[in-house]
């Protein structure tokens, strides 16, 4: 009993410090003890199956391995008695020929404020969803998981990128046969919105260093406009946060050679996408990395993993990333006790067992890893 609770305490301390607005290690430890203390389930948690006590979360099943990942997510949440009800969407587009988001899905996201999805990677659909729901920023939480030793060392870096402007604005066309063109969009309004969010994030989660990756030496107008906004906002926070500028190639080099150096990496859409995948690789791979899209209307959580059509239905997916994404989501929903329970179980599986899915060099099935997490949660509830 003690070892399990101690493990949960350590896990909660490290994660809650960064994702629950705790300003110091002492505050994080105090909060972790309060949410992970050994006690009998409260009356409310015993009755969490009552419909009236559950909060609704929008669930997008996704494509490829998406249904397997979201099945694993629901199984773990059920085992942990998380008081949420998933509004699941198999059909997230209007129809098979259209990339327009399902209007009912948009209504659900706006109503529930929290959503989580399996991999989709239909670029036109994602672009339309971002624009219609106002998902302007993407946050990749590249943080080494306790118990898993990556050959690249430890990392604790948050990559924040724009996801509606830049190259990812999706404006391209054929000028004449054989000549194509992509338009990179950078507006002062959009750049300022990202800058304000990044510095607000640093303040909220007590991060002291912000590094912006850019190529304004080449793209003087577009990247220059992005950097102007970052510098203007940075000037207002000079006493609280160290602001740095790095060319993209230098940022990539430093991320590989000194992954522990960065706290927050910020960039425009395509650059940030590259940096996030690099950070996820240092963790162990995209399937290990949780993330979420930010809108003034709500938050949509997911994992950096792709849909992997070739693995669909074979029970070979790695559910770690989507479970960690759920941990972050539950913390935001003020369900820290349940987040702590799931995180402690995931850490236990990686620290105390050799269970690894094939992307990490093992032969463990998705269902087996999920069941191991559930078993640890059940054992903790019995004690």
Protein backbone atom coordinates (compact mmCIF):
# COMPACT_ATOMS: atom_id res chain seq x y z
CA UNK A 1 0.00 0.00 0.00
CA UNK A 2 2.74 2.40 1.00
CA UNK A 3 4.85 1.79 -2.09
CA UNK A 4 1.91 2.36 -4.39
CA UNK A 5 0.87 5.57 -2.64
CA UNK A 6 4.46 6.76 -2.55
CA UNK A 7 4.72 6.17 -6.29
CA UNK A 8 1.52 8.09 -6.87
CA UNK A 9 2.82 10.93 -4.69
CA UNK A 10 6.06 11.23 -6.64
CA UNK A 11 4.20 11.10 -9.96
CA UNK A 12 1.64 13.67 -8.90
CA UNK A 13 4.30 15.98 -7.47
CA UNK A 14 6.23 16.12 -10.70
CA UNK A 15 3.27 16.49 -13.02
CA UNK A 16 1.02 18.67 -10.87
CA UNK A 17 3.85 21.13 -10.45
CA UNK A 18 3.69 21.86 -14.16
CA UNK A 19 0.03 21.35 -14.97
CA UNK A 20 -1.95 22.47 -11.91
CA UNK A 21 -0.62 25.99 -11.46
CA UNK A 22 1.48 25.13 -8.37
CA UNK A 23 4.14 27.78 -7.94
CA UNK A 24 6.72 25.73 -6.04
CA UNK A 25 7.72 22.21 -5.21
CA UNK A 26 6.31 22.56 -1.71
CA UNK A 27 2.91 23.57 -3.05
CA UNK A 28 2.97 20.69 -5.50
CA UNK A 29 3.90 18.19 -2.79
CA UNK A 30 1.17 19.49 -0.52
CA UNK A 31 -1.43 19.22 -3.26
CA UNK A 32 -0.18 15.80 -4.32
CA UNK A 33 -0.51 14.49 -0.76
CA UNK A 34 -4.03 15.82 -0.54
CA UNK A 35 -5.13 14.12 -3.74
CA UNK A 36 -3.16 10.87 -3.32
CA UNK A 37 -3.53 10.19 0.41
CA UNK A 38 -4.57 6.70 1.42
CA UNK A 39 -8.21 6.92 2.35
CA UNK A 40 -11.47 5.19 1.64
CA UNK A 41 -13.35 6.37 -1.46
CA UNK A 42 -15.60 9.27 -0.66
CA UNK A 43 -19.35 8.99 -0.85
CA UNK A 44 -19.28 11.01 -4.05
CA UNK A 45 -16.72 8.72 -5.72
CA UNK A 46 -18.77 5.68 -4.71
CA UNK A 47 -21.74 7.19 -6.46
CA UNK A 48 -19.86 8.56 -9.48
CA UNK A 49 -21.81 6.30 -11.77
CA UNK A 50 -24.84 8.47 -11.23
CA UNK A 51 -25.58 10.45 -14.36
CA UNK A 52 -26.07 13.72 -12.51
CA UNK A 53 -22.52 13.66 -11.08
CA UNK A 54 -20.74 13.13 -14.37
CA UNK A 55 -19.27 15.83 -16.56
CA UNK A 56 -19.44 15.32 -20.29
CA UNK A 57 -16.38 15.14 -22.51
CA UNK A 58 -16.48 15.07 -26.30
CA UNK A 59 -14.72 11.99 -27.69
CA UNK A 60 -13.62 11.74 -31.32
CA UNK A 61 -12.85 8.10 -32.07
CA UNK A 62 -10.50 8.85 -34.94
CA UNK A 63 -9.21 6.68 -37.77
CA UNK A 64 -6.74 3.80 -38.04
CA UNK A 65 -5.63 2.97 -34.50
CA UNK A 66 -7.86 5.74 -33.12
CA UNK A 67 -10.72 3.46 -32.02
CA UNK A 68 -8.27 1.16 -30.19
CA UNK A 69 -6.68 4.09 -28.37
CA UNK A 70 -10.01 5.59 -27.36
CA UNK A 71 -11.23 2.15 -26.23
CA UNK A 72 -8.16 1.93 -23.98
CA UNK A 73 -8.84 5.44 -22.69
CA UNK A 74 -12.45 4.63 -21.81
CA UNK A 75 -11.46 1.36 -20.13
CA UNK A 76 -8.89 3.08 -17.91
CA UNK A 77 -11.24 5.96 -17.04
CA UNK A 78 -13.98 3.48 -16.13
CA UNK A 79 -11.60 1.49 -13.92
CA UNK A 80 -10.46 4.67 -12.19
CA UNK A 81 -14.10 5.69 -11.60
CA UNK A 82 -13.53 9.01 -13.34
CA UNK A 83 -16.81 10.95 -13.08
CA UNK A 84 -17.08 11.83 -16.76
CA UNK A 85 -19.34 10.71 -19.57
CA UNK A 86 -17.97 10.53 -23.08
CA UNK A 87 -20.03 11.85 -25.97
CA UNK A 88 -18.49 9.67 -28.66
CA UNK A 89 -18.37 10.59 -32.35
CA UNK A 90 -17.59 7.96 -34.95
CA UNK A 91 -18.65 10.34 -37.73
CA UNK A 92 -16.59 13.47 -37.23
CA UNK A 93 -17.04 14.78 -40.78
CA UNK A 94 -20.31 15.62 -42.52
CA UNK A 95 -19.89 12.66 -44.89
CA UNK A 96 -17.19 10.55 -46.50
CA UNK A 97 -16.79 13.00 -49.38
CA UNK A 98 -16.70 16.12 -47.22
CA UNK A 99 -13.97 17.38 -44.92
CA UNK A 100 -16.37 19.70 -43.11
CA UNK A 101 -16.58 18.91 -39.37
CA UNK A 102 -19.82 17.36 -38.18
CA UNK A 103 -21.98 20.27 -36.85
CA UNK A 104 -23.08 18.08 -33.93
CA UNK A 105 -19.44 17.56 -33.05
CA UNK A 106 -18.84 21.31 -33.01
CA UNK A 107 -21.92 21.80 -30.82
CA UNK A 108 -20.66 19.12 -28.43
CA UNK A 109 -17.21 20.69 -28.14
CA UNK A 110 -18.65 24.13 -27.50
CA UNK A 111 -21.07 22.77 -24.91
CA UNK A 112 -18.64 20.50 -23.05
CA UNK A 113 -15.51 22.71 -23.29
CA UNK A 114 -13.32 19.60 -23.08
CA UNK A 115 -12.67 17.03 -25.78
CA UNK A 116 -10.21 14.25 -26.53
CA UNK A 117 -9.60 12.48 -29.81
CA UNK A 118 -7.84 9.59 -31.42
CA UNK A 119 -5.57 10.20 -34.41
CA UNK A 120 -7.32 11.52 -37.52
CA UNK A 121 -4.67 13.18 -39.69
CA UNK A 122 -7.07 14.24 -42.42
CA UNK A 123 -5.37 17.58 -43.03
CA UNK A 124 -8.33 19.38 -44.66
CA UNK A 125 -10.66 18.23 -41.85
CA UNK A 126 -8.21 19.30 -39.14
CA UNK A 127 -7.75 22.67 -40.81
CA UNK A 128 -11.49 23.28 -40.98
CA UNK A 129 -11.97 22.14 -37.38
CA UNK A 130 -9.27 24.54 -36.22
CA UNK A 131 -10.87 27.45 -38.06
CA UNK A 132 -14.48 26.70 -37.11
CA UNK A 133 -13.74 26.04 -33.43
CA UNK A 134 -10.98 28.63 -33.18
CA UNK A 135 -8.19 26.21 -32.23
CA UNK A 136 -5.34 28.65 -32.72
CA UNK A 137 -2.51 27.06 -30.69
CA UNK A 138 -1.20 23.54 -30.16
CA UNK A 139 0.68 22.50 -27.01
CA UNK A 140 2.92 19.41 -27.08
CA UNK A 141 3.99 18.24 -23.63
CA UNK A 142 7.39 16.65 -24.26
CA UNK A 143 8.18 15.35 -20.79
CA UNK A 144 10.11 12.18 -20.01
CA UNK A 145 7.96 9.51 -18.45
CA UNK A 146 9.21 8.14 -15.16
CA UNK A 147 10.27 4.54 -15.58
CA UNK A 148 11.09 4.75 -19.28
CA UNK A 149 14.71 5.36 -20.22
CA UNK A 150 15.03 7.04 -23.55
CA UNK A 151 18.37 6.64 -25.36
CA UNK A 152 18.32 10.40 -25.95
CA UNK A 153 18.23 11.50 -22.31
CA UNK A 154 15.60 13.37 -20.33
CA UNK A 155 13.41 16.16 -21.59
CA UNK A 156 10.93 18.50 -19.92
CA UNK A 157 9.93 20.90 -22.66
CA UNK A 158 6.60 22.28 -23.81
CA UNK A 159 6.38 23.08 -27.52
CA UNK A 160 3.72 25.67 -28.37
CA UNK A 161 2.96 26.45 -31.99
CA UNK A 162 0.45 28.30 -34.09
CA UNK A 163 -1.85 26.01 -36.06
CA UNK A 164 -3.96 28.26 -38.29
CA UNK A 165 -1.43 30.57 -39.92
CA UNK A 166 2.00 30.23 -41.49
CA UNK A 167 2.49 27.47 -44.05
CA UNK A 168 -0.36 25.55 -42.41
CA UNK A 169 -2.89 28.12 -43.51
CA UNK A 170 -3.37 25.73 -46.44
CA UNK A 171 -3.39 28.31 -49.21
CA UNK A 172 -1.71 26.81 -52.25
CA UNK A 173 -2.40 26.66 -55.95
CA UNK A 174 -0.94 25.93 -59.35
CA UNK A 175 0.33 29.07 -61.05
CA UNK A 176 0.80 27.35 -64.39
CA UNK A 177 1.27 23.66 -65.18
CA UNK A 178 4.50 22.58 -63.53
CA UNK A 179 4.65 25.55 -61.15
CA UNK A 180 2.92 25.47 -57.75
CA UNK A 181 2.82 28.02 -54.96
CA UNK A 182 2.12 28.02 -51.23
CA UNK A 183 1.26 31.23 -49.42
CA UNK A 184 2.61 31.64 -45.90
CA UNK A 185 0.27 33.86 -43.91
CA UNK A 186 1.34 35.82 -40.85
CA UNK A 187 -1.00 38.40 -39.33
CA UNK A 188 -0.12 40.70 -36.47
CA UNK A 189 -3.33 39.67 -34.70
CA UNK A 190 -2.56 35.96 -34.97
CA UNK A 191 1.09 36.35 -33.97
CA UNK A 192 0.17 38.49 -30.98
CA UNK A 193 -2.42 35.94 -29.85
CA UNK A 194 0.21 33.18 -29.83
CA UNK A 195 2.70 35.42 -28.02
CA UNK A 196 0.18 36.35 -25.32
CA UNK A 197 -0.74 32.69 -24.82
CA UNK A 198 2.89 31.55 -24.55
CA UNK A 199 3.79 34.10 -21.88
CA UNK A 200 0.56 33.47 -19.99
CA UNK A 201 1.39 29.75 -20.04
CA UNK A 202 4.89 30.41 -18.69
CA UNK A 203 3.50 32.48 -15.84
CA UNK A 204 0.74 30.01 -15.01
CA UNK A 205 3.03 27.00 -14.89
CA UNK A 206 6.12 28.72 -13.51
CA UNK A 207 8.33 28.24 -16.55
CA UNK A 208 11.27 30.65 -16.65
CA UNK A 209 12.67 30.33 -20.16
CA UNK A 210 10.93 30.88 -23.51
CA UNK A 211 12.82 30.18 -26.72
CA UNK A 212 11.34 31.19 -30.07
CA UNK A 213 12.53 29.37 -33.20
CA UNK A 214 12.33 31.27 -36.48
CA UNK A 215 13.95 32.00 -39.85
CA UNK A 216 13.45 35.75 -40.03
CA UNK A 217 16.93 36.04 -41.50
CA UNK A 218 15.46 34.46 -44.66
CA UNK A 219 11.73 35.18 -44.38
CA UNK A 220 12.03 38.78 -43.30
CA UNK A 221 8.36 39.74 -43.61
CA UNK A 222 6.41 36.69 -42.41
CA UNK A 223 8.77 35.40 -39.73
CA UNK A 224 9.73 38.99 -39.03
CA UNK A 225 6.10 39.81 -38.25
CA UNK A 226 5.86 36.79 -35.94
CA UNK A 227 9.02 37.84 -34.11
CA UNK A 228 7.87 41.45 -33.75
CA UNK A 229 4.82 40.24 -31.83
CA UNK A 230 6.92 37.94 -29.65
CA UNK A 231 9.36 40.74 -28.81
CA UNK A 232 6.58 43.20 -27.98
CA UNK A 233 4.95 40.80 -25.52
CA UNK A 234 8.32 39.67 -24.13
CA UNK A 235 9.14 43.28 -23.23
CA UNK A 236 6.17 43.28 -20.83
CA UNK A 237 7.48 40.18 -19.01
CA UNK A 238 11.22 40.80 -18.99
CA UNK A 239 11.44 40.57 -15.19
CA UNK A 240 9.64 37.22 -15.00
CA UNK A 241 10.79 35.20 -17.99
CA UNK A 242 14.03 34.82 -19.92
CA UNK A 243 13.22 35.36 -23.61
CA UNK A 244 15.53 33.91 -26.26
CA UNK A 245 15.57 33.86 -30.05
CA UNK A 246 17.10 31.02 -32.05
CA UNK A 247 17.20 30.25 -35.73
CA UNK A 248 15.24 27.08 -36.43
CA UNK A 249 18.29 25.02 -37.38
CA UNK A 250 20.09 26.03 -34.19
CA UNK A 251 17.01 25.23 -32.09
CA UNK A 252 16.80 21.76 -33.67
CA UNK A 253 20.50 21.15 -33.04
CA UNK A 254 20.28 22.20 -29.39
CA UNK A 255 17.13 20.16 -28.84
CA UNK A 256 18.98 17.03 -29.98
CA UNK A 257 22.23 17.73 -28.15
CA UNK A 258 20.86 19.37 -24.98
CA UNK A 259 17.18 18.39 -24.64
CA UNK A 260 17.19 19.40 -20.97
CA UNK A 261 18.05 22.99 -21.92
CA UNK A 262 14.62 24.11 -23.15
CA UNK A 263 11.56 24.83 -21.01
CA UNK A 264 9.19 26.34 -23.59
CA UNK A 265 9.81 26.27 -27.33
CA UNK A 266 7.53 28.46 -29.42
CA UNK A 267 7.26 28.79 -33.16
CA UNK A 268 4.96 29.17 -36.13
CA UNK A 269 2.96 26.26 -37.47
CA UNK A 270 5.35 24.13 -39.55
CA UNK A 271 8.50 24.86 -37.53
CA UNK A 272 6.67 24.03 -34.31
CA UNK A 273 5.37 20.79 -35.77
CA UNK A 274 8.93 19.68 -36.53
CA UNK A 275 10.15 20.67 -33.05
CA UNK A 276 7.26 18.84 -31.37
CA UNK A 277 7.98 15.60 -33.22
CA UNK A 278 11.65 15.90 -32.30
CA UNK A 279 10.72 16.42 -28.66
CA UNK A 280 8.36 13.46 -28.78
CA UNK A 281 11.12 11.31 -30.29
CA UNK A 282 13.37 12.16 -27.35
CA UNK A 283 10.58 11.00 -25.02
CA UNK A 284 10.37 7.68 -26.83
CA UNK A 285 8.21 8.46 -29.84
CA UNK A 286 5.04 10.30 -30.88
CA UNK A 287 2.86 7.66 -29.21
CA UNK A 288 4.29 8.72 -25.83
CA UNK A 289 3.60 12.43 -26.23
CA UNK A 290 0.36 14.10 -25.07
CA UNK A 291 -0.86 17.37 -26.48
CA UNK A 292 -3.86 19.62 -26.88
CA UNK A 293 -5.32 22.32 -29.09
CA UNK A 294 -6.37 25.61 -27.49
CA UNK A 295 -9.40 27.77 -28.25
CA UNK A 296 -11.27 30.44 -26.34
CA UNK A 297 -14.24 28.05 -26.59
CA UNK A 298 -12.56 24.96 -25.16
CA UNK A 299 -9.66 22.51 -25.32
CA UNK A 300 -9.25 19.42 -27.50
CA UNK A 301 -6.74 16.86 -26.19
CA UNK A 302 -4.98 14.18 -28.19
CA UNK A 303 -1.61 12.51 -28.80
CA UNK A 304 1.04 13.22 -31.41
CA UNK A 305 0.76 9.68 -32.77
CA UNK A 306 -0.53 9.22 -36.32
CA UNK A 307 -3.43 7.05 -37.45
CA UNK A 308 -1.22 4.10 -38.57
CA UNK A 309 -3.68 2.43 -40.90
CA UNK A 310 -1.27 -0.51 -41.22
CA UNK A 311 -1.67 -1.26 -37.49
CA UNK A 312 -5.43 -0.80 -37.29
CA UNK A 313 -7.23 -3.73 -35.70
CA UNK A 314 -4.00 -5.57 -34.81
CA UNK A 315 -3.84 -4.55 -31.13
CA UNK A 316 -0.37 -3.05 -31.65
CA UNK A 317 -1.00 0.61 -30.80
CA UNK A 318 0.66 2.32 -27.83
CA UNK A 319 -2.01 3.92 -25.57
CA UNK A 320 0.48 5.81 -23.38
CA UNK A 321 0.17 9.19 -25.07
CA UNK A 322 -3.62 9.33 -24.99
CA UNK A 323 -3.63 8.24 -21.31
CA UNK A 324 -1.17 11.02 -20.43
CA UNK A 325 -3.29 13.45 -22.42
CA UNK A 326 -6.27 12.36 -20.31
CA UNK A 327 -4.20 13.02 -17.17
CA UNK A 328 -3.62 16.61 -18.27
CA UNK A 329 -7.28 17.00 -19.23
CA UNK A 330 -8.51 15.68 -15.87
CA UNK A 331 -6.20 18.08 -14.04
CA UNK A 332 -7.69 20.96 -16.00
CA UNK A 333 -11.17 19.67 -15.08
CA UNK A 334 -10.26 19.81 -11.37
CA UNK A 335 -10.25 15.99 -11.17
CA UNK A 336 -6.68 15.77 -9.90
CA UNK A 337 -7.28 12.70 -7.73
CA UNK A 338 -8.34 10.66 -10.74
CA UNK A 339 -5.52 12.08 -12.85
CA UNK A 340 -3.06 11.11 -10.13
CA UNK A 341 -4.46 7.59 -10.02
CA UNK A 342 -4.05 7.05 -13.77
CA UNK A 343 -0.61 8.65 -13.91
CA UNK A 344 0.62 6.55 -11.00
CA UNK A 345 -0.55 3.40 -12.75
CA UNK A 346 1.12 4.32 -16.05
CA UNK A 347 4.38 5.14 -14.26
CA UNK A 348 4.20 1.85 -12.37
CA UNK A 349 3.84 -0.19 -15.56
CA UNK A 350 6.88 1.48 -17.11
CA UNK A 351 8.98 1.48 -13.95
CA UNK A 352 8.20 -1.92 -12.47
CA UNK A 353 7.51 -4.09 -15.54
CA UNK A 354 9.12 -4.76 -18.90
CA UNK A 355 5.86 -4.30 -20.79
CA UNK A 356 6.60 -2.30 -23.94
CA UNK A 357 4.65 -1.98 -27.16
CA UNK A 358 6.37 -2.64 -30.47
CA UNK A 359 7.16 1.02 -31.14
CA UNK A 360 9.37 0.89 -28.02
CA UNK A 361 11.04 -2.36 -29.03
CA UNK A 362 8.74 -4.73 -27.12
CA UNK A 363 6.01 -7.18 -28.02
CA UNK A 364 3.27 -6.08 -25.63
CA UNK A 365 -0.21 -5.62 -27.06
CA UNK A 366 -2.25 -2.46 -26.61
CA UNK A 367 -4.87 -4.41 -24.67
CA UNK A 368 -2.21 -5.95 -22.39
CA UNK A 369 -0.66 -2.61 -21.50
CA UNK A 370 -4.10 -1.15 -20.90
CA UNK A 371 -5.07 -4.08 -18.67
CA UNK A 372 -1.85 -3.72 -16.67
CA UNK A 373 -2.70 -0.06 -15.99
CA UNK A 374 -6.23 -1.04 -14.98
CA UNK A 375 -4.99 -3.85 -12.71
CA UNK A 376 -2.72 -1.47 -10.81
CA UNK A 377 -5.58 0.97 -10.34
CA UNK A 378 -7.83 -1.84 -9.06
CA UNK A 379 -5.16 -3.05 -6.64
CA UNK A 380 -4.80 0.47 -5.27
CA UNK A 381 -8.55 0.82 -4.77
CA UNK A 382 -8.64 -2.42 -2.77
CA UNK A 383 -6.04 -1.22 -0.27
